Amino acid sequence: MSPVARSLSTFHILQMHQRFVYLDRASNMAYSPLIHIVLVYISHAFE
């Protein structure tokens, strides 16, 4: 995978994570640690 594509996918994952964290705060639930772990796993799958 090219560095550009990898940084784009990482940026996309970070954006998704931010959105999930925002939704998490808005709904006052404790999903963010689980979602964070899943997103980290997905980001490693891209490498």
PDB file of N, CA and C in Angstrom:
ATOM      1  N   MET A   1       0.851  -1.202   0.000  1.00  0.00           N
ATOM      2  CA  MET A   1       0.000   0.000   0.000  1.00  0.00           C
ATOM      3  C   MET A   1       0.887   1.253   0.000  1.00  0.00           C
ATOM      4  N   SER A   2       0.526   2.202  -0.828  1.00  0.00           N
ATOM      5  CA  SER A   2       1.331   3.419  -0.892  1.00  0.00           C
ATOM      6  C   SER A   2       1.148   4.261   0.373  1.00  0.00           C
ATOM      7  N   PRO A   3       2.178   5.052   0.730  1.00  0.00           N
ATOM      8  CA  PRO A   3       2.065   5.910   1.931  1.00  0.00           C
ATOM      9  C   PRO A   3       0.870   6.861   1.863  1.00  0.00           C
ATOM     10  N   VAL A   4       0.601   7.375   0.647  1.00  0.00           N
ATOM     11  CA  VAL A   4      -0.524   8.308   0.493  1.00  0.00           C
ATOM     12  C   VAL A   4      -1.845   7.608   0.801  1.00  0.00           C
ATOM     13  N   ALA A   5      -2.035   6.431   0.191  1.00  0.00           N
ATOM     14  CA  ALA A   5      -3.270   5.685   0.422  1.00  0.00           C
ATOM     15  C   ALA A   5      -3.401   5.310   1.894  1.00  0.00           C
ATOM     16  N   ARG A   6      -2.266   4.952   2.501  1.00  0.00           N
ATOM     17  CA  ARG A   6      -2.298   4.559   3.906  1.00  0.00           C
ATOM     18  C   ARG A   6      -2.651   5.745   4.798  1.00  0.00           C
ATOM     19  N   SER A   7      -2.072   6.902   4.526  1.00  0.00           N
ATOM     20  CA  SER A   7      -2.384   8.073   5.347  1.00  0.00           C
ATOM     21  C   SER A   7      -3.831   8.510   5.136  1.00  0.00           C
ATOM     22  N   LEU A   8      -4.338   8.359   3.902  1.00  0.00           N
ATOM     23  CA  LEU A   8      -5.740   8.682   3.635  1.00  0.00           C
ATOM     24  C   LEU A   8      -6.666   7.747   4.408  1.00  0.00           C
ATOM     25  N   SER A   9      -6.348   6.450   4.393  1.00  0.00           N
ATOM     26  CA  SER A   9      -7.191   5.504   5.116  1.00  0.00           C
ATOM     27  C   SER A   9      -7.109   5.757   6.618  1.00  0.00           C
ATOM     28  N   THR A  10      -5.909   6.107   7.104  1.00  0.00           N
ATOM     29  CA  THR A  10      -5.743   6.426   8.529  1.00  0.00           C
ATOM     30  C   THR A  10      -6.562   7.663   8.889  1.00  0.00           C
ATOM     31  N   PHE A  11      -6.499   8.677   8.020  1.00  0.00           N
ATOM     32  CA  PHE A  11      -7.271   9.898   8.243  1.00  0.00           C
ATOM     33  C   PHE A  11      -8.761   9.588   8.272  1.00  0.00           C
ATOM     34  N   HIS A  12      -9.199   8.734   7.334  1.00  0.00           N
ATOM     35  CA  HIS A  12     -10.606   8.344   7.266  1.00  0.00           C
ATOM     36  C   HIS A  12     -11.023   7.623   8.553  1.00  0.00           C
ATOM     37  N   ILE A  13     -10.159   6.731   9.034  1.00  0.00           N
ATOM     38  CA  ILE A  13     -10.440   6.001  10.272  1.00  0.00           C
ATOM     39  C   ILE A  13     -10.524   6.969  11.454  1.00  0.00           C
ATOM     40  N   LEU A  14      -9.611   7.931  11.508  1.00  0.00           N
ATOM     41  CA  LEU A  14      -9.647   8.925  12.581  1.00  0.00           C
ATOM     42  C   LEU A  14     -10.938   9.733  12.520  1.00  0.00           C
ATOM     43  N   GLN A  15     -11.351  10.103  11.313  1.00  0.00           N
ATOM     44  CA  GLN A  15     -12.605  10.838  11.142  1.00  0.00           C
ATOM     45  C   GLN A  15     -13.784  10.007  11.648  1.00  0.00           C
ATOM     46  N   MET A  16     -13.805   8.740  11.256  1.00  0.00           N
ATOM     47  CA  MET A  16     -14.871   7.841  11.709  1.00  0.00           C
ATOM     48  C   MET A  16     -14.865   7.737  13.225  1.00  0.00           C
ATOM     49  N   HIS A  17     -13.654   7.604  13.791  1.00  0.00           N
ATOM     50  CA  HIS A  17     -13.523   7.479  15.235  1.00  0.00           C
ATOM     51  C   HIS A  17     -14.073   8.721  15.932  1.00  0.00           C
ATOM     52  N   GLN A  18     -13.724   9.901  15.404  1.00  0.00           N
ATOM     53  CA  GLN A  18     -14.218  11.151  15.978  1.00  0.00           C
ATOM     54  C   GLN A  18     -15.741  11.196  15.940  1.00  0.00           C
ATOM     55  N   ARG A  19     -16.291  10.747  14.821  1.00  0.00           N
ATOM     56  CA  ARG A  19     -17.746  10.752  14.672  1.00  0.00           C
ATOM     57  C   ARG A  19     -18.392   9.814  15.691  1.00  0.00           C
ATOM     58  N   PHE A  20     -17.778   8.612  15.854  1.00  0.00           N
ATOM     59  CA  PHE A  20     -18.316   7.663  16.820  1.00  0.00           C
ATOM     60  C   PHE A  20     -18.199   8.195  18.249  1.00  0.00           C
ATOM     61  N   VAL A  21     -17.079   8.832  18.552  1.00  0.00           N
ATOM     62  CA  VAL A  21     -16.894   9.396  19.886  1.00  0.00           C
ATOM     63  C   VAL A  21     -17.935  10.483  20.136  1.00  0.00           C
ATOM     64  N   TYR A  22     -18.212  11.305  19.104  1.00  0.00           N
ATOM     65  CA  TYR A  22     -19.219  12.352  19.226  1.00  0.00           C
ATOM     66  C   TYR A  22     -20.599  11.743  19.468  1.00  0.00           C
ATOM     67  N   LEU A  23     -20.944  10.724  18.679  1.00  0.00           N
ATOM     68  CA  LEU A  23     -22.229  10.046  18.853  1.00  0.00           C
ATOM     69  C   LEU A  23     -22.310   9.412  20.239  1.00  0.00           C
ATOM     70  N   ASP A  24     -21.186   8.838  20.654  1.00  0.00           N
ATOM     71  CA  ASP A  24     -21.077   8.199  21.956  1.00  0.00           C
ATOM     72  C   ASP A  24     -21.370   9.203  23.073  1.00  0.00           C
ATOM     73  N   ARG A  25     -20.762  10.386  22.983  1.00  0.00           N
ATOM     74  CA  ARG A  25     -20.997  11.423  23.991  1.00  0.00           C
ATOM     75  C   ARG A  25     -22.441  11.894  23.952  1.00  0.00           C
ATOM     76  N   ALA A  26     -22.951  12.063  22.731  1.00  0.00           N
ATOM     77  CA  ALA A  26     -24.308  12.572  22.559  1.00  0.00           C
ATOM     78  C   ALA A  26     -25.332  11.613  23.163  1.00  0.00           C
ATOM     79  N   SER A  27     -25.088  10.315  23.027  1.00  0.00           N
ATOM     80  CA  SER A  27     -26.040   9.329  23.538  1.00  0.00           C
ATOM     81  C   SER A  27     -25.661   8.843  24.944  1.00  0.00           C
ATOM     82  N   ASN A  28     -24.499   9.350  25.437  1.00  0.00           N
ATOM     83  CA  ASN A  28     -24.064   9.064  26.804  1.00  0.00           C
ATOM     84  C   ASN A  28     -23.916   7.566  27.057  1.00  0.00           C
ATOM     85  N   MET A  29     -23.302   6.852  26.095  1.00  0.00           N
ATOM     86  CA  MET A  29     -23.060   5.422  26.250  1.00  0.00           C
ATOM     87  C   MET A  29     -21.559   5.162  26.310  1.00  0.00           C
ATOM     88  N   ALA A  30     -21.207   3.975  26.738  1.00  0.00           N
ATOM     89  CA  ALA A  30     -19.793   3.659  26.952  1.00  0.00           C
ATOM     90  C   ALA A  30     -19.225   2.773  25.844  1.00  0.00           C
ATOM     91  N   TYR A  31     -19.595   3.053  24.597  1.00  0.00           N
ATOM     92  CA  TYR A  31     -19.124   2.228  23.481  1.00  0.00           C
ATOM     93  C   TYR A  31     -17.752   2.646  22.955  1.00  0.00           C
ATOM     94  N   SER A  32     -17.308   3.867  23.251  1.00  0.00           N
ATOM     95  CA  SER A  32     -16.103   4.371  22.594  1.00  0.00           C
ATOM     96  C   SER A  32     -14.856   3.499  22.787  1.00  0.00           C
ATOM     97  N   PRO A  33     -14.593   2.912  23.978  1.00  0.00           N
ATOM     98  CA  PRO A  33     -13.408   2.049  24.071  1.00  0.00           C
ATOM     99  C   PRO A  33     -13.483   0.858  23.121  1.00  0.00           C
ATOM    100  N   LEU A  34     -14.649   0.244  23.031  1.00  0.00           N
ATOM    101  CA  LEU A  34     -14.840  -0.901  22.138  1.00  0.00           C
ATOM    102  C   LEU A  34     -14.659  -0.473  20.688  1.00  0.00           C
ATOM    103  N   ILE A  35     -15.288   0.631  20.300  1.00  0.00           N
ATOM    104  CA  ILE A  35     -15.175   1.138  18.934  1.00  0.00           C
ATOM    105  C   ILE A  35     -13.725   1.491  18.627  1.00  0.00           C
ATOM    106  N   HIS A  36     -13.043   2.093  19.593  1.00  0.00           N
ATOM    107  CA  HIS A  36     -11.641   2.448  19.399  1.00  0.00           C
ATOM    108  C   HIS A  36     -10.802   1.200  19.121  1.00  0.00           C
ATOM    109  N   ILE A  37     -11.015   0.142  19.886  1.00  0.00           N
ATOM    110  CA  ILE A  37     -10.286  -1.120  19.688  1.00  0.00           C
ATOM    111  C   ILE A  37     -10.570  -1.668  18.289  1.00  0.00           C
ATOM    112  N   VAL A  38     -11.843  -1.650  17.897  1.00  0.00           N
ATOM    113  CA  VAL A  38     -12.223  -2.142  16.565  1.00  0.00           C
ATOM    114  C   VAL A  38     -11.550  -1.315  15.472  1.00  0.00           C
ATOM    115  N   LEU A  39     -11.541   0.012  15.627  1.00  0.00           N
ATOM    116  CA  LEU A  39     -10.932   0.874  14.620  1.00  0.00           C
ATOM    117  C   LEU A  39      -9.425   0.679  14.555  1.00  0.00           C
ATOM    118  N   VAL A  40      -8.790   0.473  15.708  1.00  0.00           N
ATOM    119  CA  VAL A  40      -7.349   0.191  15.717  1.00  0.00           C
ATOM    120  C   VAL A  40      -7.080  -1.117  14.977  1.00  0.00           C
ATOM    121  N   TYR A  41      -7.917  -2.109  15.241  1.00  0.00           N
ATOM    122  CA  TYR A  41      -7.774  -3.400  14.555  1.00  0.00           C
ATOM    123  C   TYR A  41      -7.919  -3.225  13.038  1.00  0.00           C
ATOM    124  N   ILE A  42      -8.926  -2.454  12.624  1.00  0.00           N
ATOM    125  CA  ILE A  42      -9.155  -2.198  11.198  1.00  0.00           C
ATOM    126  C   ILE A  42      -7.958  -1.461  10.593  1.00  0.00           C
ATOM    127  N   SER A  43      -7.435  -0.472  11.318  1.00  0.00           N
ATOM    128  CA  SER A  43      -6.301   0.292  10.787  1.00  0.00           C
ATOM    129  C   SER A  43      -5.071  -0.594  10.617  1.00  0.00           C
ATOM    130  N   HIS A  44      -4.885  -1.566  11.519  1.00  0.00           N
ATOM    131  CA  HIS A  44      -3.764  -2.496  11.371  1.00  0.00           C
ATOM    132  C   HIS A  44      -3.997  -3.447  10.193  1.00  0.00           C
ATOM    133  N   ALA A  45      -5.251  -3.754   9.922  1.00  0.00           N
ATOM    134  CA  ALA A  45      -5.566  -4.625   8.787  1.00  0.00           C
ATOM    135  C   ALA A  45      -5.192  -3.958   7.457  1.00  0.00           C
ATOM    136  N   PHE A  46      -5.203  -2.618   7.431  1.00  0.00           N
ATOM    137  CA  PHE A  46      -4.837  -1.880   6.217  1.00  0.00           C
ATOM    138  C   PHE A  46      -3.340  -1.900   5.945  1.00  0.00           C
ATOM    139  N   GLU A  47      -2.545  -2.145   6.956  1.00  0.00           N
ATOM    140  CA  GLU A  47      -1.086  -2.048   6.811  1.00  0.00           C
ATOM    141  C   GLU A  47      -0.510  -3.178   5.976  1.00  0.00           C
TER     142      GLU A  47
END
